[in-house]
Amino acid sequence: MPEISEMLEVTENTEVCTETCNVCFHHCRLSEGTLGACRGRRMVDGKIIPENYGRLTSIALDPIEKKPLRRFKPGSMILSVGSYGCNLSCRFCQNYHIAAAGPDDGTGRWHSVRTQYVSPDELTSLALSEKRRGNIGVAFTYNEPLISWEYIRDSGRLLHDEGMPVVVVTNGTASQEVFSEIAPYVDAMNIDLKSFNPDYYKKICGGDLDMVKDFITAAAASCHVELTTLIVPGENDSDDEMREIATWIASLPNGREIPLHVSRFFPMHLMTEKNPTPVGTVYRLAGIAREYLKYVYTGNC
């Protein structure tokens, strides 16, 4: 029979080291080699790293209005890039083929996507080369870019050195710690405010409304911000909820100046049973928002 000291040594050697990811409200507790809920961050050699850092799945030169941003350098084109993974699980996701993707680990747990590594230096060089076609900077978009906030920070620093603006299109589900890391290098954001109902965020999106509100508040004090609310029939399409959304936005410092995009839903991903949002509903809700906000735009109509 082994000595007690030997037994204790074995117990100590088999302890599992874990770390908590502080990017968002999930606070994923990761052990060596495991992946977070976002499918973009993993614990490697005792540190949580963005495994999707610079691994691009999508790249395009888009009109800035497509982000959507209507009051930040209108008429411009912007190099738009995305990776894979997301820390929400929206049932209506329009980019689910990359947002719901994960690394190809051979288990078939997630569908994998082709990626190409583009370093911050390479991304900056590409953005500069596209100036001949009217490019003004880089937008981090398509999937949830904040799960790889380090890539935004590192690229943003180089892009700012070249006088090029940085845009982030995000669900806003990130901690104040993450925001403080990227804030010096971000010039504009479009942030989803998917609902003003905490239960909707939890049930439909797998998210946390309070974290999004805190993120929007911080961003609005730091850079140009526009917000987007997708109107889903029977879920967040009431007049009362739009009034809640618009009055809260207006309550922020200079909140009446924050543009709101009221967008039409189309059946997608896990919500194919619903009909598209009636155009009249979008226009009606936009009209309510205009009672409180100076700039309200309709989308997908």
C-alpha atoms as a PDB file:
ATOM      1  CA  MET A   1       0.000   0.000   0.000  1.00  0.00           C
ATOM      2  CA  PRO A   2       1.461   3.439  -0.928  1.00  0.00           C
ATOM      3  CA  GLU A   3       2.420   5.897   1.769  1.00  0.00           C
ATOM      4  CA  ILE A   4      -0.027   8.715   2.444  1.00  0.00           C
ATOM      5  CA  SER A   5       2.573  11.222   1.227  1.00  0.00           C
ATOM      6  CA  GLU A   6       2.712   9.367  -2.098  1.00  0.00           C
ATOM      7  CA  MET A   7      -1.076   9.397  -2.363  1.00  0.00           C
ATOM      8  CA  LEU A   8      -1.167  13.142  -1.719  1.00  0.00           C
ATOM      9  CA  GLU A   9       1.485  13.697  -4.380  1.00  0.00           C
ATOM     10  CA  VAL A  10      -0.612  11.819  -6.928  1.00  0.00           C
ATOM     11  CA  THR A  11      -3.666  13.911  -6.013  1.00  0.00           C
ATOM     12  CA  GLU A  12      -1.729  17.139  -6.412  1.00  0.00           C
ATOM     13  CA  ASN A  13      -0.356  16.100  -9.821  1.00  0.00           C
ATOM     14  CA  THR A  14      -3.817  15.293 -11.164  1.00  0.00           C
ATOM     15  CA  GLU A  15      -5.446  18.605 -10.206  1.00  0.00           C
ATOM     16  CA  VAL A  16      -6.994  20.381 -13.175  1.00  0.00           C
ATOM     17  CA  CYS A  17      -5.871  23.979 -13.632  1.00  0.00           C
ATOM     18  CA  THR A  18      -8.682  26.281 -14.790  1.00  0.00           C
ATOM     19  CA  GLU A  19      -8.924  29.951 -15.699  1.00  0.00           C
ATOM     20  CA  THR A  20     -11.951  32.183 -16.162  1.00  0.00           C
ATOM     21  CA  CYS A  21     -12.415  34.080 -19.422  1.00  0.00           C
ATOM     22  CA  ASN A  22     -13.492  37.662 -18.717  1.00  0.00           C
ATOM     23  CA  VAL A  23     -14.569  38.696 -22.203  1.00  0.00           C
ATOM     24  CA  CYS A  24     -18.316  38.440 -21.536  1.00  0.00           C
ATOM     25  CA  PHE A  25     -21.047  37.392 -19.114  1.00  0.00           C
ATOM     26  CA  HIS A  26     -20.506  33.679 -19.801  1.00  0.00           C
ATOM     27  CA  HIS A  27     -17.327  33.767 -17.669  1.00  0.00           C
ATOM     28  CA  CYS A  28     -16.301  30.453 -19.216  1.00  0.00           C
ATOM     29  CA  ARG A  29     -14.192  28.372 -16.838  1.00  0.00           C
ATOM     30  CA  LEU A  30     -11.605  26.774 -19.106  1.00  0.00           C
ATOM     31  CA  SER A  31      -9.078  24.039 -18.498  1.00  0.00           C
ATOM     32  CA  GLU A  32      -6.104  23.217 -20.699  1.00  0.00           C
ATOM     33  CA  GLY A  33      -7.192  22.732 -24.303  1.00  0.00           C
ATOM     34  CA  THR A  34     -10.878  23.522 -23.778  1.00  0.00           C
ATOM     35  CA  LEU A  35     -12.814  26.020 -25.857  1.00  0.00           C
ATOM     36  CA  GLY A  36     -15.148  28.770 -24.652  1.00  0.00           C
ATOM     37  CA  ALA A  37     -18.824  29.142 -25.529  1.00  0.00           C
ATOM     38  CA  CYS A  38     -17.852  31.584 -28.286  1.00  0.00           C
ATOM     39  CA  ARG A  39     -15.736  28.890 -30.019  1.00  0.00           C
ATOM     40  CA  GLY A  40     -13.025  31.494 -30.552  1.00  0.00           C
ATOM     41  CA  ARG A  41     -11.091  31.420 -27.268  1.00  0.00           C
ATOM     42  CA  ARG A  42      -9.171  28.482 -25.835  1.00  0.00           C
ATOM     43  CA  MET A  43      -6.864  27.802 -22.901  1.00  0.00           C
ATOM     44  CA  VAL A  44      -3.371  26.980 -24.180  1.00  0.00           C
ATOM     45  CA  ASP A  45      -0.341  26.548 -21.919  1.00  0.00           C
ATOM     46  CA  GLY A  46      -2.299  27.952 -18.995  1.00  0.00           C
ATOM     47  CA  LYS A  47      -3.418  31.134 -20.802  1.00  0.00           C
ATOM     48  CA  ILE A  48      -6.718  31.932 -22.505  1.00  0.00           C
ATOM     49  CA  ILE A  49      -5.972  33.037 -26.054  1.00  0.00           C
ATOM     50  CA  PRO A  50      -8.080  34.072 -29.077  1.00  0.00           C
ATOM     51  CA  GLU A  51      -7.635  30.989 -31.245  1.00  0.00           C
ATOM     52  CA  ASN A  52      -9.355  32.789 -34.125  1.00  0.00           C
ATOM     53  CA  TYR A  53      -6.895  35.726 -33.989  1.00  0.00           C
ATOM     54  CA  GLY A  54      -6.446  36.931 -37.568  1.00  0.00           C
ATOM     55  CA  ARG A  55      -8.169  33.840 -38.980  1.00  0.00           C
ATOM     56  CA  LEU A  56     -10.395  35.539 -41.531  1.00  0.00           C
ATOM     57  CA  THR A  57     -13.370  33.857 -43.168  1.00  0.00           C
ATOM     58  CA  SER A  58     -14.727  36.917 -44.971  1.00  0.00           C
ATOM     59  CA  ILE A  59     -13.303  40.047 -46.515  1.00  0.00           C
ATOM     60  CA  ALA A  60     -15.010  42.619 -48.736  1.00  0.00           C
ATOM     61  CA  LEU A  61     -14.919  46.286 -49.678  1.00  0.00           C
ATOM     62  CA  ASP A  62     -18.348  47.556 -48.602  1.00  0.00           C
ATOM     63  CA  PRO A  63     -20.213  50.853 -48.541  1.00  0.00           C
ATOM     64  CA  ILE A  64     -20.046  52.107 -44.971  1.00  0.00           C
ATOM     65  CA  GLU A  65     -23.833  52.414 -44.985  1.00  0.00           C
ATOM     66  CA  LYS A  66     -23.964  48.590 -45.091  1.00  0.00           C
ATOM     67  CA  LYS A  67     -22.470  48.264 -41.573  1.00  0.00           C
ATOM     68  CA  PRO A  68     -24.932  50.053 -41.045  1.00  0.00           C
ATOM     69  CA  LEU A  69     -23.473  53.488 -40.350  1.00  0.00           C
ATOM     70  CA  ARG A  70     -25.356  56.437 -41.802  1.00  0.00           C
ATOM     71  CA  ARG A  71     -23.719  59.355 -40.005  1.00  0.00           C
ATOM     72  CA  PHE A  72     -20.054  58.346 -39.991  1.00  0.00           C
ATOM     73  CA  LYS A  73     -18.210  59.280 -43.180  1.00  0.00           C
ATOM     74  CA  PRO A  74     -21.252  58.722 -45.435  1.00  0.00           C
ATOM     75  CA  GLY A  75     -20.545  57.738 -49.020  1.00  0.00           C
ATOM     76  CA  SER A  76     -17.292  56.010 -48.088  1.00  0.00           C
ATOM     77  CA  MET A  77     -16.120  52.473 -48.746  1.00  0.00           C
ATOM     78  CA  ILE A  78     -14.546  50.408 -45.976  1.00  0.00           C
ATOM     79  CA  LEU A  79     -12.595  47.147 -45.973  1.00  0.00           C
ATOM     80  CA  SER A  80     -14.729  44.733 -43.950  1.00  0.00           C
ATOM     81  CA  VAL A  81     -13.300  41.598 -42.353  1.00  0.00           C
ATOM     82  CA  GLY A  82     -14.642  38.797 -40.175  1.00  0.00           C
ATOM     83  CA  SER A  83     -13.529  35.569 -38.550  1.00  0.00           C
ATOM     84  CA  TYR A  84     -15.667  32.829 -36.964  1.00  0.00           C
ATOM     85  CA  GLY A  85     -17.460  32.342 -33.659  1.00  0.00           C
ATOM     86  CA  CYS A  86     -19.854  34.355 -31.501  1.00  0.00           C
ATOM     87  CA  ASN A  87     -20.712  34.582 -27.824  1.00  0.00           C
ATOM     88  CA  LEU A  88     -24.462  34.734 -28.527  1.00  0.00           C
ATOM     89  CA  SER A  89     -26.740  32.126 -30.064  1.00  0.00           C
ATOM     90  CA  CYS A  90     -29.380  34.244 -31.798  1.00  0.00           C
ATOM     91  CA  ARG A  91     -32.059  32.045 -33.308  1.00  0.00           C
ATOM     92  CA  PHE A  92     -32.400  34.446 -36.263  1.00  0.00           C
ATOM     93  CA  CYS A  93     -28.669  34.834 -37.042  1.00  0.00           C
ATOM     94  CA  GLN A  94     -28.065  35.851 -40.659  1.00  0.00           C
ATOM     95  CA  ASN A  95     -24.359  34.945 -40.578  1.00  0.00           C
ATOM     96  CA  TYR A  96     -24.741  31.661 -38.690  1.00  0.00           C
ATOM     97  CA  HIS A  97     -22.488  29.811 -41.142  1.00  0.00           C
ATOM     98  CA  ILE A  98     -19.530  31.694 -39.639  1.00  0.00           C
ATOM     99  CA  ALA A  99     -20.930  32.925 -36.307  1.00  0.00           C
ATOM    100  CA  ALA A 100     -21.922  29.387 -35.295  1.00  0.00           C
ATOM    101  CA  ALA A 101     -18.775  27.829 -36.712  1.00  0.00           C
ATOM    102  CA  GLY A 102     -15.875  26.504 -34.700  1.00  0.00           C
ATOM    103  CA  PRO A 103     -12.447  25.038 -35.339  1.00  0.00           C
ATOM    104  CA  ASP A 104     -12.310  21.730 -37.174  1.00  0.00           C
ATOM    105  CA  ASP A 105     -11.434  19.462 -34.245  1.00  0.00           C
ATOM    106  CA  GLY A 106     -12.465  16.234 -35.949  1.00  0.00           C
ATOM    107  CA  THR A 107     -15.472  15.679 -33.679  1.00  0.00           C
ATOM    108  CA  GLY A 108     -18.108  17.193 -35.915  1.00  0.00           C
ATOM    109  CA  ARG A 109     -19.439  19.296 -33.023  1.00  0.00           C
ATOM    110  CA  TRP A 110     -19.395  22.419 -35.180  1.00  0.00           C
ATOM    111  CA  HIS A 111     -19.256  22.929 -38.880  1.00  0.00           C
ATOM    112  CA  SER A 112     -15.867  24.270 -39.839  1.00  0.00           C
ATOM    113  CA  VAL A 113     -15.079  27.067 -42.267  1.00  0.00           C
ATOM    114  CA  ARG A 114     -12.057  27.869 -44.360  1.00  0.00           C
ATOM    115  CA  THR A 115      -9.869  30.599 -42.915  1.00  0.00           C
ATOM    116  CA  GLN A 116      -6.803  32.498 -43.991  1.00  0.00           C
ATOM    117  CA  TYR A 117      -4.442  34.056 -41.482  1.00  0.00           C
ATOM    118  CA  VAL A 118      -3.945  37.773 -42.022  1.00  0.00           C
ATOM    119  CA  SER A 119      -1.617  39.481 -39.559  1.00  0.00           C
ATOM    120  CA  PRO A 120      -2.298  43.034 -38.342  1.00  0.00           C
ATOM    121  CA  ASP A 121       0.577  44.237 -40.535  1.00  0.00           C
ATOM    122  CA  GLU A 122      -0.862  42.457 -43.571  1.00  0.00           C
ATOM    123  CA  LEU A 123      -4.349  43.786 -42.869  1.00  0.00           C
ATOM    124  CA  THR A 124      -3.016  47.338 -42.639  1.00  0.00           C
ATOM    125  CA  SER A 125      -1.102  46.944 -45.902  1.00  0.00           C
ATOM    126  CA  LEU A 126      -4.218  45.583 -47.601  1.00  0.00           C
ATOM    127  CA  ALA A 127      -6.334  48.465 -46.293  1.00  0.00           C
ATOM    128  CA  LEU A 128      -3.788  50.961 -47.623  1.00  0.00           C
ATOM    129  CA  SER A 129      -3.649  49.237 -51.008  1.00  0.00           C
ATOM    130  CA  GLU A 130      -7.446  49.518 -51.304  1.00  0.00           C
ATOM    131  CA  LYS A 131      -7.380  53.296 -50.934  1.00  0.00           C
ATOM    132  CA  ARG A 132      -7.223  53.440 -54.711  1.00  0.00           C
ATOM    133  CA  ARG A 133     -10.768  52.030 -54.715  1.00  0.00           C
ATOM    134  CA  GLY A 134     -11.980  54.508 -52.109  1.00  0.00           C
ATOM    135  CA  ASN A 135     -11.237  52.560 -48.937  1.00  0.00           C
ATOM    136  CA  ILE A 136     -10.981  54.666 -45.782  1.00  0.00           C
ATOM    137  CA  GLY A 137     -10.151  52.021 -43.142  1.00  0.00           C
ATOM    138  CA  VAL A 138     -11.209  48.669 -41.692  1.00  0.00           C
ATOM    139  CA  ALA A 139     -14.492  47.406 -40.230  1.00  0.00           C
ATOM    140  CA  PHE A 140     -14.422  44.338 -37.984  1.00  0.00           C
ATOM    141  CA  THR A 141     -17.749  42.642 -38.621  1.00  0.00           C
ATOM    142  CA  TYR A 142     -19.647  39.556 -39.922  1.00  0.00           C
ATOM    143  CA  ASN A 143     -19.060  37.345 -36.857  1.00  0.00           C
ATOM    144  CA  GLU A 144     -18.659  38.767 -33.328  1.00  0.00           C
ATOM    145  CA  PRO A 145     -15.318  40.584 -33.508  1.00  0.00           C
ATOM    146  CA  LEU A 146     -14.952  41.255 -29.781  1.00  0.00           C
ATOM    147  CA  ILE A 147     -14.260  37.610 -28.959  1.00  0.00           C
ATOM    148  CA  SER A 148     -10.901  38.351 -30.581  1.00  0.00           C
ATOM    149  CA  TRP A 149     -10.515  41.851 -29.225  1.00  0.00           C
ATOM    150  CA  GLU A 150      -6.728  41.518 -29.262  1.00  0.00           C
ATOM    151  CA  TYR A 151      -6.807  41.481 -33.074  1.00  0.00           C
ATOM    152  CA  ILE A 152      -8.827  44.710 -33.112  1.00  0.00           C
ATOM    153  CA  ARG A 153      -6.398  46.338 -30.686  1.00  0.00           C
ATOM    154  CA  ASP A 154      -3.251  45.261 -32.531  1.00  0.00           C
ATOM    155  CA  SER A 155      -4.612  46.086 -35.991  1.00  0.00           C
ATOM    156  CA  GLY A 156      -6.260  49.290 -34.801  1.00  0.00           C
ATOM    157  CA  ARG A 157      -2.983  50.625 -33.466  1.00  0.00           C
ATOM    158  CA  LEU A 158      -1.333  50.157 -36.875  1.00  0.00           C
ATOM    159  CA  LEU A 159      -4.309  51.513 -38.806  1.00  0.00           C
ATOM    160  CA  HIS A 160      -4.394  54.652 -36.658  1.00  0.00           C
ATOM    161  CA  ASP A 161      -0.687  55.147 -37.290  1.00  0.00           C
ATOM    162  CA  GLU A 162      -1.643  55.332 -40.980  1.00  0.00           C
ATOM    163  CA  GLY A 163      -4.531  57.724 -40.316  1.00  0.00           C
ATOM    164  CA  MET A 164      -7.183  55.115 -41.149  1.00  0.00           C
ATOM    165  CA  PRO A 165     -10.379  54.853 -39.053  1.00  0.00           C
ATOM    166  CA  VAL A 166     -11.505  51.627 -37.380  1.00  0.00           C
ATOM    167  CA  VAL A 167     -15.121  50.468 -37.201  1.00  0.00           C
ATOM    168  CA  VAL A 168     -16.514  47.650 -35.045  1.00  0.00           C
ATOM    169  CA  VAL A 169     -19.893  46.020 -35.717  1.00  0.00           C
ATOM    170  CA  THR A 170     -20.805  44.138 -32.566  1.00  0.00           C
ATOM    171  CA  ASN A 171     -23.514  42.655 -30.383  1.00  0.00           C
ATOM    172  CA  GLY A 172     -22.061  44.660 -27.497  1.00  0.00           C
ATOM    173  CA  THR A 173     -21.781  41.593 -25.271  1.00  0.00           C
ATOM    174  CA  ALA A 174     -18.396  42.368 -23.796  1.00  0.00           C
ATOM    175  CA  SER A 175     -16.958  43.469 -20.483  1.00  0.00           C
ATOM    176  CA  GLN A 176     -15.752  46.942 -19.608  1.00  0.00           C
ATOM    177  CA  GLU A 177     -12.267  45.448 -19.439  1.00  0.00           C
ATOM    178  CA  VAL A 178     -12.476  44.511 -23.107  1.00  0.00           C
ATOM    179  CA  PHE A 179     -13.931  47.895 -24.008  1.00  0.00           C
ATOM    180  CA  SER A 180     -11.068  49.737 -22.339  1.00  0.00           C
ATOM    181  CA  GLU A 181      -8.543  47.709 -24.351  1.00  0.00           C
ATOM    182  CA  ILE A 182     -10.001  48.604 -27.753  1.00  0.00           C
ATOM    183  CA  ALA A 183     -11.451  52.061 -27.071  1.00  0.00           C
ATOM    184  CA  PRO A 184      -8.307  54.027 -28.012  1.00  0.00           C
ATOM    185  CA  TYR A 185      -8.291  52.457 -31.476  1.00  0.00           C
ATOM    186  CA  VAL A 186     -11.988  52.490 -32.441  1.00  0.00           C
ATOM    187  CA  ASP A 187     -13.602  55.433 -34.212  1.00  0.00           C
ATOM    188  CA  ALA A 188     -17.137  54.151 -34.755  1.00  0.00           C
ATOM    189  CA  MET A 189     -19.378  51.262 -33.753  1.00  0.00           C
ATOM    190  CA  ASN A 190     -22.689  49.846 -34.752  1.00  0.00           C
ATOM    191  CA  ILE A 191     -24.040  47.951 -31.738  1.00  0.00           C
ATOM    192  CA  ASP A 192     -27.061  45.670 -31.650  1.00  0.00           C
ATOM    193  CA  LEU A 193     -29.709  46.526 -29.091  1.00  0.00           C
ATOM    194  CA  LYS A 194     -31.795  43.479 -29.856  1.00  0.00           C
ATOM    195  CA  SER A 195     -34.559  44.132 -27.334  1.00  0.00           C
ATOM    196  CA  PHE A 196     -35.236  45.880 -24.056  1.00  0.00           C
ATOM    197  CA  ASN A 197     -36.548  42.681 -22.473  1.00  0.00           C
ATOM    198  CA  PRO A 198     -34.020  40.621 -20.458  1.00  0.00           C
ATOM    199  CA  ASP A 199     -36.052  37.460 -21.090  1.00  0.00           C
ATOM    200  CA  TYR A 200     -35.871  38.019 -24.860  1.00  0.00           C
ATOM    201  CA  TYR A 201     -32.102  38.351 -24.660  1.00  0.00           C
ATOM    202  CA  LYS A 202     -31.866  35.119 -22.697  1.00  0.00           C
ATOM    203  CA  LYS A 203     -34.450  33.082 -24.643  1.00  0.00           C
ATOM    204  CA  ILE A 204     -33.882  34.244 -28.220  1.00  0.00           C
ATOM    205  CA  CYS A 205     -30.236  35.296 -28.131  1.00  0.00           C
ATOM    206  CA  GLY A 206     -28.625  33.512 -25.198  1.00  0.00           C
ATOM    207  CA  GLY A 207     -27.427  36.914 -24.034  1.00  0.00           C
ATOM    208  CA  ASP A 208     -27.464  39.492 -21.255  1.00  0.00           C
ATOM    209  CA  LEU A 209     -29.193  42.860 -21.697  1.00  0.00           C
ATOM    210  CA  ASP A 210     -27.438  44.602 -18.804  1.00  0.00           C
ATOM    211  CA  MET A 211     -23.978  43.908 -20.247  1.00  0.00           C
ATOM    212  CA  VAL A 212     -25.074  45.327 -23.608  1.00  0.00           C
ATOM    213  CA  LYS A 213     -26.505  48.481 -22.000  1.00  0.00           C
ATOM    214  CA  ASP A 214     -23.274  49.032 -20.074  1.00  0.00           C
ATOM    215  CA  PHE A 215     -21.229  48.537 -23.245  1.00  0.00           C
ATOM    216  CA  ILE A 216     -23.373  50.990 -25.234  1.00  0.00           C
ATOM    217  CA  THR A 217     -23.105  53.585 -22.462  1.00  0.00           C
ATOM    218  CA  ALA A 218     -19.306  53.345 -22.448  1.00  0.00           C
ATOM    219  CA  ALA A 219     -19.025  53.348 -26.243  1.00  0.00           C
ATOM    220  CA  ALA A 220     -21.292  56.378 -26.668  1.00  0.00           C
ATOM    221  CA  ALA A 221     -18.942  58.370 -24.449  1.00  0.00           C
ATOM    222  CA  SER A 222     -15.882  57.281 -26.441  1.00  0.00           C
ATOM    223  CA  CYS A 223     -16.645  57.179 -30.184  1.00  0.00           C
ATOM    224  CA  HIS A 224     -19.345  57.551 -32.806  1.00  0.00           C
ATOM    225  CA  VAL A 225     -22.118  55.027 -32.073  1.00  0.00           C
ATOM    226  CA  GLU A 226     -25.140  53.869 -34.036  1.00  0.00           C
ATOM    227  CA  LEU A 227     -27.554  51.197 -32.806  1.00  0.00           C
ATOM    228  CA  THR A 228     -29.586  48.522 -34.574  1.00  0.00           C
ATOM    229  CA  THR A 229     -32.768  46.803 -33.419  1.00  0.00           C
ATOM    230  CA  LEU A 230     -34.045  43.897 -35.511  1.00  0.00           C
ATOM    231  CA  ILE A 231     -37.823  43.661 -35.215  1.00  0.00           C
ATOM    232  CA  VAL A 232     -38.997  40.043 -34.906  1.00  0.00           C
ATOM    233  CA  PRO A 233     -42.776  39.505 -35.249  1.00  0.00           C
ATOM    234  CA  GLY A 234     -44.441  38.528 -32.004  1.00  0.00           C
ATOM    235  CA  GLU A 235     -41.215  38.908 -30.015  1.00  0.00           C
ATOM    236  CA  ASN A 236     -40.048  42.526 -29.758  1.00  0.00           C
ATOM    237  CA  ASP A 237     -42.475  44.386 -32.003  1.00  0.00           C
ATOM    238  CA  SER A 238     -44.668  46.181 -29.474  1.00  0.00           C
ATOM    239  CA  ASP A 239     -45.055  49.948 -29.342  1.00  0.00           C
ATOM    240  CA  ASP A 240     -44.277  49.922 -25.615  1.00  0.00           C
ATOM    241  CA  GLU A 241     -40.942  48.161 -26.094  1.00  0.00           C
ATOM    242  CA  MET A 242     -39.855  50.588 -28.811  1.00  0.00           C
ATOM    243  CA  ARG A 243     -40.696  53.455 -26.467  1.00  0.00           C
ATOM    244  CA  GLU A 244     -38.536  51.836 -23.796  1.00  0.00           C
ATOM    245  CA  ILE A 245     -35.660  51.461 -26.235  1.00  0.00           C
ATOM    246  CA  ALA A 246     -35.906  55.003 -27.583  1.00  0.00           C
ATOM    247  CA  THR A 247     -36.342  56.684 -24.184  1.00  0.00           C
ATOM    248  CA  TRP A 248     -33.342  54.815 -22.778  1.00  0.00           C
ATOM    249  CA  ILE A 249     -31.153  55.829 -25.727  1.00  0.00           C
ATOM    250  CA  ALA A 250     -32.328  59.432 -25.384  1.00  0.00           C
ATOM    251  CA  SER A 251     -31.406  59.371 -21.675  1.00  0.00           C
ATOM    252  CA  LEU A 252     -27.714  58.841 -22.465  1.00  0.00           C
ATOM    253  CA  PRO A 253     -25.453  61.897 -22.751  1.00  0.00           C
ATOM    254  CA  ASN A 254     -26.254  63.375 -26.200  1.00  0.00           C
ATOM    255  CA  GLY A 255     -28.498  60.342 -26.608  1.00  0.00           C
ATOM    256  CA  ARG A 256     -30.976  62.079 -28.896  1.00  0.00           C
ATOM    257  CA  GLU A 257     -28.134  62.338 -31.435  1.00  0.00           C
ATOM    258  CA  ILE A 258     -27.447  58.568 -31.460  1.00  0.00           C
ATOM    259  CA  PRO A 259     -28.828  57.062 -34.698  1.00  0.00           C
ATOM    260  CA  LEU A 260     -31.118  54.040 -34.393  1.00  0.00           C
ATOM    261  CA  HIS A 261     -31.628  51.568 -37.241  1.00  0.00           C
ATOM    262  CA  VAL A 262     -34.978  49.773 -37.031  1.00  0.00           C
ATOM    263  CA  SER A 263     -34.528  46.695 -39.173  1.00  0.00           C
ATOM    264  CA  ARG A 264     -36.899  44.176 -40.755  1.00  0.00           C
ATOM    265  CA  PHE A 265     -36.594  40.468 -39.885  1.00  0.00           C
ATOM    266  CA  PHE A 266     -36.525  37.728 -42.516  1.00  0.00           C
ATOM    267  CA  PRO A 267     -36.808  34.000 -41.675  1.00  0.00           C
ATOM    268  CA  MET A 268     -33.343  32.571 -41.070  1.00  0.00           C
ATOM    269  CA  HIS A 269     -31.381  29.905 -39.182  1.00  0.00           C
ATOM    270  CA  LEU A 270     -33.625  28.540 -36.388  1.00  0.00           C
ATOM    271  CA  MET A 271     -36.514  30.948 -37.027  1.00  0.00           C
ATOM    272  CA  THR A 272     -37.693  29.825 -40.427  1.00  0.00           C
ATOM    273  CA  GLU A 273     -41.247  29.283 -39.174  1.00  0.00           C
ATOM    274  CA  LYS A 274     -41.901  33.010 -38.755  1.00  0.00           C
ATOM    275  CA  ASN A 275     -43.016  35.367 -41.480  1.00  0.00           C
ATOM    276  CA  PRO A 276     -40.980  38.444 -42.395  1.00  0.00           C
ATOM    277  CA  THR A 277     -41.763  41.523 -40.355  1.00  0.00           C
ATOM    278  CA  PRO A 278     -44.529  43.536 -42.049  1.00  0.00           C
ATOM    279  CA  VAL A 279     -43.055  46.671 -43.561  1.00  0.00           C
ATOM    280  CA  GLY A 280     -45.784  48.697 -41.875  1.00  0.00           C
ATOM    281  CA  THR A 281     -44.644  47.461 -38.480  1.00  0.00           C
ATOM    282  CA  VAL A 282     -41.096  48.673 -39.095  1.00  0.00           C
ATOM    283  CA  TYR A 283     -42.313  52.089 -40.236  1.00  0.00           C
ATOM    284  CA  ARG A 284     -44.700  52.381 -37.266  1.00  0.00           C
ATOM    285  CA  LEU A 285     -41.988  51.565 -34.734  1.00  0.00           C
ATOM    286  CA  ALA A 286     -39.530  53.898 -36.448  1.00  0.00           C
ATOM    287  CA  GLY A 287     -42.131  56.642 -36.129  1.00  0.00           C
ATOM    288  CA  ILE A 288     -42.391  56.023 -32.384  1.00  0.00           C
ATOM    289  CA  ALA A 289     -38.600  56.142 -32.039  1.00  0.00           C
ATOM    290  CA  ARG A 290     -38.539  59.500 -33.856  1.00  0.00           C
ATOM    291  CA  GLU A 291     -40.582  60.991 -31.024  1.00  0.00           C
ATOM    292  CA  TYR A 292     -37.429  60.663 -28.880  1.00  0.00           C
ATOM    293  CA  LEU A 293     -34.475  60.424 -31.283  1.00  0.00           C
ATOM    294  CA  LYS A 294     -33.246  62.771 -33.988  1.00  0.00           C
ATOM    295  CA  TYR A 295     -31.940  60.119 -36.411  1.00  0.00           C
ATOM    296  CA  VAL A 296     -33.978  56.965 -37.044  1.00  0.00           C
ATOM    297  CA  TYR A 297     -33.525  54.793 -40.133  1.00  0.00           C
ATOM    298  CA  THR A 298     -35.418  51.785 -41.457  1.00  0.00           C
ATOM    299  CA  GLY A 299     -33.566  48.756 -42.831  1.00  0.00           C
ATOM    300  CA  ASN A 300     -34.344  45.750 -45.046  1.00  0.00           C
ATOM    301  CA  CYS A 301     -37.618  47.349 -46.190  1.00  0.00           C
END
